[in-house]
Amino acid sequence: MLDQIIEKNSLEETEATGLRELKERLRSGSVQHCLSAHPRLADQMEGEEYATWKREIEKYIGRPWLDLPWYFAESLFYLEVLLAWGYYREKGPRFAVDPFLPLKEE
């Protein structure tokens, strides 16, 4: 799916760095604290969303992705995609831009 996002959005190599890094982290197999690399994220999420993500992710830090409950793993994957894409980076070129839009339009 990450390769499809890169391809369908016609991302240059430098633009795809975050998504490629995510792909490598997923291959390594363990959950990392993805929120810590985004200090302003708490301000951009609604209500208790950030606190809920933080609490739930912390339960699984260092554990293999394959050990996660299926729905949580899927949800965390999509959060990680948005973070790697730059969806929450306010001054970035992909702020609030849906990385799946080209796939949806197809």
C-alpha atoms as a PDB file:
ATOM      1  CA  MET A   1       0.000   0.000   0.000  1.00  0.00           C
ATOM      2  CA  LEU A   2       2.871   2.381   0.762  1.00  0.00           C
ATOM      3  CA  ASP A   3       4.303   1.781  -2.701  1.00  0.00           C
ATOM      4  CA  GLN A   4       0.890   2.554  -4.212  1.00  0.00           C
ATOM      5  CA  ILE A   5       0.677   5.842  -2.304  1.00  0.00           C
ATOM      6  CA  ILE A   6       4.121   6.817  -3.559  1.00  0.00           C
ATOM      7  CA  GLU A   7       3.337   5.804  -7.137  1.00  0.00           C
ATOM      8  CA  LYS A   8      -0.194   7.242  -7.408  1.00  0.00           C
ATOM      9  CA  ASN A   9       0.870  10.574  -5.918  1.00  0.00           C
ATOM     10  CA  SER A  10       3.884  10.726  -8.275  1.00  0.00           C
ATOM     11  CA  LEU A  11       6.252  11.387  -5.400  1.00  0.00           C
ATOM     12  CA  GLU A  12       9.895  12.061  -6.089  1.00  0.00           C
ATOM     13  CA  GLU A  13      12.412  10.032  -4.074  1.00  0.00           C
ATOM     14  CA  THR A  14      12.972  12.857  -1.574  1.00  0.00           C
ATOM     15  CA  GLU A  15       9.225  13.377  -1.145  1.00  0.00           C
ATOM     16  CA  ALA A  16       8.709   9.690  -0.385  1.00  0.00           C
ATOM     17  CA  THR A  17      11.350   9.473   2.345  1.00  0.00           C
ATOM     18  CA  GLY A  18       8.908   9.319   5.268  1.00  0.00           C
ATOM     19  CA  LEU A  19       6.824   6.600   3.617  1.00  0.00           C
ATOM     20  CA  ARG A  20       9.898   4.545   2.724  1.00  0.00           C
ATOM     21  CA  GLU A  21      11.177   4.871   6.294  1.00  0.00           C
ATOM     22  CA  LEU A  22       7.795   3.664   7.557  1.00  0.00           C
ATOM     23  CA  LYS A  23       8.022   0.676   5.232  1.00  0.00           C
ATOM     24  CA  GLU A  24      11.409  -0.234   6.697  1.00  0.00           C
ATOM     25  CA  ARG A  25      10.150   0.173  10.268  1.00  0.00           C
ATOM     26  CA  LEU A  26       7.223  -2.110   9.510  1.00  0.00           C
ATOM     27  CA  ARG A  27       9.641  -4.687   8.155  1.00  0.00           C
ATOM     28  CA  SER A  28      11.641  -4.527  11.388  1.00  0.00           C
ATOM     29  CA  GLY A  29       8.488  -5.717  13.033  1.00  0.00           C
ATOM     30  CA  SER A  30       8.177  -3.815  16.295  1.00  0.00           C
ATOM     31  CA  VAL A  31       5.900  -0.960  17.321  1.00  0.00           C
ATOM     32  CA  GLN A  32       7.609   2.347  18.014  1.00  0.00           C
ATOM     33  CA  HIS A  33       6.264   5.483  19.643  1.00  0.00           C
ATOM     34  CA  CYS A  34       5.376   7.331  16.437  1.00  0.00           C
ATOM     35  CA  LEU A  35       3.855  10.305  18.243  1.00  0.00           C
ATOM     36  CA  SER A  36       7.070  11.461  19.881  1.00  0.00           C
ATOM     37  CA  ALA A  37       8.525  12.654  16.562  1.00  0.00           C
ATOM     38  CA  HIS A  38       5.590  15.053  16.144  1.00  0.00           C
ATOM     39  CA  PRO A  39       5.607  17.511  19.062  1.00  0.00           C
ATOM     40  CA  ARG A  40       2.715  19.679  17.792  1.00  0.00           C
ATOM     41  CA  LEU A  41       0.465  16.747  17.001  1.00  0.00           C
ATOM     42  CA  ALA A  42      -1.493  17.049  20.259  1.00  0.00           C
ATOM     43  CA  ASP A  43      -2.604  20.540  19.183  1.00  0.00           C
ATOM     44  CA  GLN A  44      -3.822  19.291  15.813  1.00  0.00           C
ATOM     45  CA  MET A  45      -5.865  16.301  16.932  1.00  0.00           C
ATOM     46  CA  GLU A  46      -9.364  16.716  18.278  1.00  0.00           C
ATOM     47  CA  GLY A  47     -10.327  16.368  21.925  1.00  0.00           C
ATOM     48  CA  GLU A  48      -8.862  13.318  23.588  1.00  0.00           C
ATOM     49  CA  GLU A  49      -7.614  11.793  20.324  1.00  0.00           C
ATOM     50  CA  TYR A  50      -3.915  12.370  21.062  1.00  0.00           C
ATOM     51  CA  ALA A  51      -4.144  11.142  24.667  1.00  0.00           C
ATOM     52  CA  THR A  52      -6.024   8.042  23.539  1.00  0.00           C
ATOM     53  CA  TRP A  53      -3.486   7.233  20.815  1.00  0.00           C
ATOM     54  CA  LYS A  54      -0.600   7.796  23.243  1.00  0.00           C
ATOM     55  CA  ARG A  55      -2.130   5.536  25.898  1.00  0.00           C
ATOM     56  CA  GLU A  56      -2.932   2.750  23.433  1.00  0.00           C
ATOM     57  CA  ILE A  57       0.387   2.858  21.562  1.00  0.00           C
ATOM     58  CA  GLU A  58       2.346   2.723  24.825  1.00  0.00           C
ATOM     59  CA  LYS A  59       0.751  -0.669  25.583  1.00  0.00           C
ATOM     60  CA  TYR A  60       2.478  -2.160  22.534  1.00  0.00           C
ATOM     61  CA  ILE A  61       5.841  -0.351  22.292  1.00  0.00           C
ATOM     62  CA  GLY A  62       8.537  -2.830  21.295  1.00  0.00           C
ATOM     63  CA  ARG A  63       6.090  -5.628  20.559  1.00  0.00           C
ATOM     64  CA  PRO A  64       5.873  -7.206  17.111  1.00  0.00           C
ATOM     65  CA  TRP A  65       3.186  -5.826  14.828  1.00  0.00           C
ATOM     66  CA  LEU A  66       1.939  -9.368  14.334  1.00  0.00           C
ATOM     67  CA  ASP A  67       1.107  -9.579  18.061  1.00  0.00           C
ATOM     68  CA  LEU A  68      -1.234  -6.582  17.955  1.00  0.00           C
ATOM     69  CA  PRO A  69      -5.001  -6.948  17.901  1.00  0.00           C
ATOM     70  CA  TRP A  70      -5.962  -6.795  14.225  1.00  0.00           C
ATOM     71  CA  TYR A  71      -8.132  -3.679  14.303  1.00  0.00           C
ATOM     72  CA  PHE A  72      -5.650  -1.716  16.409  1.00  0.00           C
ATOM     73  CA  ALA A  73      -2.803  -2.716  14.080  1.00  0.00           C
ATOM     74  CA  GLU A  74      -4.786  -1.514  11.072  1.00  0.00           C
ATOM     75  CA  SER A  75      -5.701   1.770  12.753  1.00  0.00           C
ATOM     76  CA  LEU A  76      -2.137   2.370  13.896  1.00  0.00           C
ATOM     77  CA  PHE A  77      -0.866   1.638  10.391  1.00  0.00           C
ATOM     78  CA  TYR A  78      -3.122   4.336   8.931  1.00  0.00           C
ATOM     79  CA  LEU A  79      -2.046   6.817  11.609  1.00  0.00           C
ATOM     80  CA  GLU A  80       1.587   6.021  10.798  1.00  0.00           C
ATOM     81  CA  VAL A  81       0.866   6.584   7.081  1.00  0.00           C
ATOM     82  CA  LEU A  82      -0.619  10.019   7.804  1.00  0.00           C
ATOM     83  CA  LEU A  83       2.359  10.936   9.973  1.00  0.00           C
ATOM     84  CA  ALA A  84       4.890   9.732   7.379  1.00  0.00           C
ATOM     85  CA  TRP A  85       2.969  11.505   4.612  1.00  0.00           C
ATOM     86  CA  GLY A  86       3.024  14.848   6.451  1.00  0.00           C
ATOM     87  CA  TYR A  87      -0.725  15.132   6.921  1.00  0.00           C
ATOM     88  CA  TYR A  88      -0.311  16.850  10.289  1.00  0.00           C
ATOM     89  CA  ARG A  89       2.693  19.051   9.351  1.00  0.00           C
ATOM     90  CA  GLU A  90       1.001  22.464   9.317  1.00  0.00           C
ATOM     91  CA  LYS A  91       3.424  24.251   7.027  1.00  0.00           C
ATOM     92  CA  GLY A  92       4.236  21.237   4.892  1.00  0.00           C
ATOM     93  CA  PRO A  93       3.086  20.738   1.297  1.00  0.00           C
ATOM     94  CA  ARG A  94       0.860  17.786   2.226  1.00  0.00           C
ATOM     95  CA  PHE A  95      -0.792  19.265   5.310  1.00  0.00           C
ATOM     96  CA  ALA A  96      -4.371  17.926   5.489  1.00  0.00           C
ATOM     97  CA  VAL A  97      -3.989  16.317   2.034  1.00  0.00           C
ATOM     98  CA  ASP A  98      -5.397  12.799   1.753  1.00  0.00           C
ATOM     99  CA  PRO A  99      -2.590  10.446   0.623  1.00  0.00           C
ATOM    100  CA  PHE A 100      -5.236   7.960  -0.540  1.00  0.00           C
ATOM    101  CA  LEU A 101      -7.127  10.405  -2.770  1.00  0.00           C
ATOM    102  CA  PRO A 102      -5.637   9.162  -6.086  1.00  0.00           C
ATOM    103  CA  LEU A 103      -6.475   5.581  -5.103  1.00  0.00           C
ATOM    104  CA  LYS A 104     -10.022   6.567  -4.140  1.00  0.00           C
ATOM    105  CA  GLU A 105     -10.490   8.452  -7.398  1.00  0.00           C
ATOM    106  CA  GLU A 106      -9.447   5.408  -9.411  1.00  0.00           C
END
